[in-house]
Amino acid sequence: MNSEGVLAALIGFFFGFALQRAGASDYGRLHGMLGLRDLGLLKLMMTSIGVAAVGIYAFAAQGVRHFTIKPLKVLAMTVGGFMFGKGFAMCGYCPGTGIVGMMEGKPDALLAVIGGLLGSLAYAYAKPSIDRALDKPDYGELTVSSVAKTDPLVTAIVYGIAMVLAAFMIDRIGQALRR
């Protein structure tokens, strides 16, 4: 394994460790988050997204990594988002939390991971048909920074700061939503 593979494995290990310690594989915590009663996991996710956005764009700006912006296909994203949400609601796990739960020895998480892998395999075989059916409208590689005509790293920094600040303010936001 090369140094990039080792780094990826270490990052994955520590992210999984953080998810496990935060209780992200606990159905009660996930259910509480989705019902806006337990916002600890939401804070973790928002902080992770904010920090990762800055890190990804910082690496890309330095030429360390390149990533591809996927085209904005509204119908395909809507159907995919619905299917992802339905699967999350049915089994109580998203891909990351499912793997954490499986590693904890939870049989329901193992079934969720197997279901996710089978769904991915089915999608891979059906992709050409799905692409033809859900291809339009296609807005191309649209990003916030391309629309706002700003530097992608600056946009990521602003977004990252906003996500981290929102995570710190989430308790107040949650209290306001529950009123």
Protein backbone atom coordinates (compact mmCIF):
# COMPACT_ATOMS: atom_id res chain seq x y z
CA MET A 1 0.00 0.00 0.00
CA ASN A 2 1.37 3.42 -0.95
CA SER A 3 1.48 6.46 1.35
CA GLU A 4 -1.81 7.82 -0.03
CA GLY A 5 -3.51 4.52 0.77
CA VAL A 6 -2.12 4.54 4.30
CA LEU A 7 -3.30 8.13 4.78
CA ALA A 8 -6.76 7.25 3.45
CA ALA A 9 -6.96 4.23 5.77
CA LEU A 10 -5.93 6.34 8.78
CA ILE A 11 -8.46 9.06 7.98
CA GLY A 12 -11.17 6.40 7.52
CA PHE A 13 -10.25 4.75 10.80
CA PHE A 14 -10.38 8.01 12.77
CA PHE A 15 -13.61 9.09 11.09
CA GLY A 16 -15.19 5.73 11.91
CA PHE A 17 -13.89 6.01 15.47
CA ALA A 18 -15.45 9.49 15.78
CA LEU A 19 -18.78 8.20 14.40
CA GLN A 20 -18.76 5.28 16.83
CA ARG A 21 -17.88 7.45 19.83
CA ALA A 22 -20.59 9.95 18.88
CA GLY A 23 -23.20 7.16 18.82
CA ALA A 24 -23.85 7.48 15.09
CA SER A 25 -24.67 3.78 14.80
CA ASP A 26 -27.33 3.95 17.53
CA TYR A 27 -30.84 3.89 16.07
CA GLY A 28 -32.21 5.96 18.96
CA ARG A 29 -29.64 8.71 18.35
CA LEU A 30 -30.30 8.71 14.60
CA HIS A 31 -34.06 8.76 15.15
CA GLY A 32 -33.65 11.58 17.66
CA MET A 33 -31.58 13.55 15.17
CA LEU A 34 -34.12 13.12 12.39
CA GLY A 35 -36.87 14.20 14.81
CA LEU A 36 -34.76 17.22 15.91
CA ARG A 37 -34.69 15.96 19.51
CA ASP A 38 -31.01 14.90 19.69
CA LEU A 39 -28.87 17.30 17.70
CA GLY A 40 -25.44 15.98 18.70
CA LEU A 41 -25.04 13.88 15.56
CA LEU A 42 -26.23 16.71 13.37
CA LYS A 43 -23.54 18.92 14.94
CA LEU A 44 -20.90 16.27 14.20
CA MET A 45 -22.05 15.93 10.58
CA MET A 46 -22.21 19.67 9.96
CA THR A 47 -18.77 20.22 11.49
CA SER A 48 -17.34 17.34 9.43
CA ILE A 49 -18.85 18.69 6.21
CA GLY A 50 -17.58 22.21 6.90
CA VAL A 51 -14.04 21.08 7.69
CA ALA A 52 -13.96 18.60 4.78
CA ALA A 53 -15.15 21.24 2.29
CA VAL A 54 -12.23 23.49 3.19
CA GLY A 55 -9.77 20.58 3.19
CA ILE A 56 -10.88 19.21 -0.17
CA TYR A 57 -10.68 22.56 -1.93
CA ALA A 58 -7.38 23.43 -0.21
CA PHE A 59 -5.85 20.18 -1.48
CA ALA A 60 -7.29 20.79 -4.96
CA ALA A 61 -5.92 24.35 -5.00
CA GLN A 62 -2.44 22.99 -4.20
CA GLY A 63 -2.72 20.37 -6.94
CA VAL A 64 -2.52 17.55 -4.39
CA ARG A 65 -5.84 16.08 -5.42
CA HIS A 66 -8.26 16.55 -8.24
CA PHE A 67 -11.93 15.79 -8.02
CA THR A 68 -14.67 15.82 -10.60
CA ILE A 69 -17.80 17.93 -10.32
CA LYS A 70 -20.77 15.80 -11.32
CA PRO A 71 -23.39 17.31 -13.63
CA LEU A 72 -26.51 18.74 -12.00
CA LYS A 73 -29.26 16.40 -13.21
CA VAL A 74 -32.27 17.46 -11.16
CA LEU A 75 -34.58 14.52 -11.85
CA ALA A 76 -31.87 11.92 -11.27
CA MET A 77 -30.78 13.64 -8.05
CA THR A 78 -34.37 13.88 -6.82
CA VAL A 79 -35.05 10.18 -7.44
CA GLY A 80 -31.65 9.20 -5.98
CA GLY A 81 -32.19 11.39 -2.92
CA PHE A 82 -35.64 9.89 -2.37
CA MET A 83 -34.25 6.36 -2.62
CA PHE A 84 -31.37 7.18 -0.26
CA GLY A 85 -33.75 8.78 2.25
CA LYS A 86 -36.17 5.86 2.01
CA GLY A 87 -33.35 3.39 2.67
CA PHE A 88 -32.08 5.50 5.58
CA ALA A 89 -35.58 5.65 7.07
CA MET A 90 -36.21 1.91 6.57
CA CYS A 91 -33.00 0.61 8.13
CA GLY A 92 -31.86 3.52 10.29
CA TYR A 93 -28.39 3.67 8.79
CA CYS A 94 -26.60 5.67 6.14
CA PRO A 95 -23.54 4.06 4.49
CA GLY A 96 -21.00 5.32 7.05
CA THR A 97 -23.08 4.58 10.14
CA GLY A 98 -24.04 1.19 8.70
CA ILE A 99 -20.38 0.17 8.47
CA VAL A 100 -19.75 1.42 12.01
CA GLY A 101 -22.75 -0.58 13.27
CA MET A 102 -21.60 -3.65 11.33
CA MET A 103 -18.15 -3.39 12.90
CA GLU A 104 -19.85 -3.21 16.31
CA GLY A 105 -21.49 -6.55 15.49
CA LYS A 106 -25.05 -5.29 14.97
CA PRO A 107 -26.92 -7.79 12.76
CA ASP A 108 -29.34 -5.14 11.43
CA ALA A 109 -26.37 -3.03 10.30
CA LEU A 110 -24.86 -6.02 8.52
CA LEU A 111 -28.15 -6.48 6.65
CA ALA A 112 -28.23 -2.77 5.81
CA VAL A 113 -24.68 -2.90 4.40
CA ILE A 114 -25.48 -6.03 2.38
CA GLY A 115 -28.65 -4.33 1.10
CA GLY A 116 -26.63 -1.24 0.15
CA LEU A 117 -24.08 -3.35 -1.73
CA LEU A 118 -26.82 -5.25 -3.57
CA GLY A 119 -28.56 -1.98 -4.40
CA SER A 120 -25.27 -0.59 -5.74
CA LEU A 121 -24.79 -3.69 -7.88
CA ALA A 122 -28.34 -3.42 -9.23
CA TYR A 123 -27.77 0.27 -9.98
CA ALA A 124 -24.52 -0.49 -11.83
CA TYR A 125 -26.37 -2.90 -14.15
CA ALA A 126 -29.37 -0.59 -14.60
CA LYS A 127 -27.32 2.63 -14.97
CA PRO A 128 -27.57 2.94 -18.76
CA SER A 129 -31.37 2.69 -18.62
CA ILE A 130 -31.59 4.99 -15.61
CA ASP A 131 -29.34 7.56 -17.31
CA ARG A 132 -31.58 7.59 -20.40
CA ALA A 133 -34.77 7.94 -18.32
CA LEU A 134 -33.52 10.56 -15.85
CA ASP A 135 -30.94 12.43 -17.93
CA LYS A 136 -32.87 15.69 -18.44
CA PRO A 137 -32.73 18.44 -17.36
CA ASP A 138 -28.94 18.50 -17.19
CA TYR A 139 -27.42 21.79 -16.03
CA GLY A 140 -23.83 20.61 -16.37
CA GLU A 141 -21.05 21.03 -13.82
CA LEU A 142 -22.75 23.77 -11.83
CA THR A 143 -21.19 24.96 -8.55
CA VAL A 144 -21.86 27.82 -6.17
CA SER A 145 -18.50 29.37 -7.03
CA SER A 146 -19.16 29.15 -10.79
CA VAL A 147 -22.54 30.87 -10.38
CA ALA A 148 -21.20 33.49 -7.93
CA LYS A 149 -18.01 33.88 -10.00
CA THR A 150 -15.81 33.49 -6.93
CA ASP A 151 -12.68 31.47 -6.23
CA PRO A 152 -13.69 27.89 -5.27
CA LEU A 153 -11.39 27.86 -2.22
CA VAL A 154 -12.82 31.15 -0.92
CA THR A 155 -16.35 29.78 -1.44
CA ALA A 156 -15.41 26.58 0.42
CA ILE A 157 -13.92 28.57 3.30
CA VAL A 158 -17.07 30.71 3.63
CA TYR A 159 -19.25 27.58 3.40
CA GLY A 160 -17.07 25.70 5.89
CA ILE A 161 -17.16 28.54 8.40
CA ALA A 162 -20.95 28.83 7.98
CA MET A 163 -21.40 25.09 8.59
CA VAL A 164 -19.22 25.09 11.70
CA LEU A 165 -20.94 28.21 13.09
CA ALA A 166 -24.36 26.69 12.39
CA ALA A 167 -23.26 23.51 14.18
CA PHE A 168 -22.35 25.55 17.24
CA MET A 169 -25.70 27.38 17.07
CA ILE A 170 -27.78 24.27 16.32
CA ASP A 171 -29.18 23.96 19.84
CA ARG A 172 -30.74 27.42 19.57
CA ILE A 173 -32.01 26.65 16.07
CA GLY A 174 -33.49 23.35 17.29
CA GLN A 175 -35.24 25.05 20.21
CA ALA A 176 -36.73 27.62 17.83
CA LEU A 177 -37.97 24.87 15.48
CA ARG A 178 -39.60 22.94 18.34
CA ARG A 179 -41.62 26.00 19.48
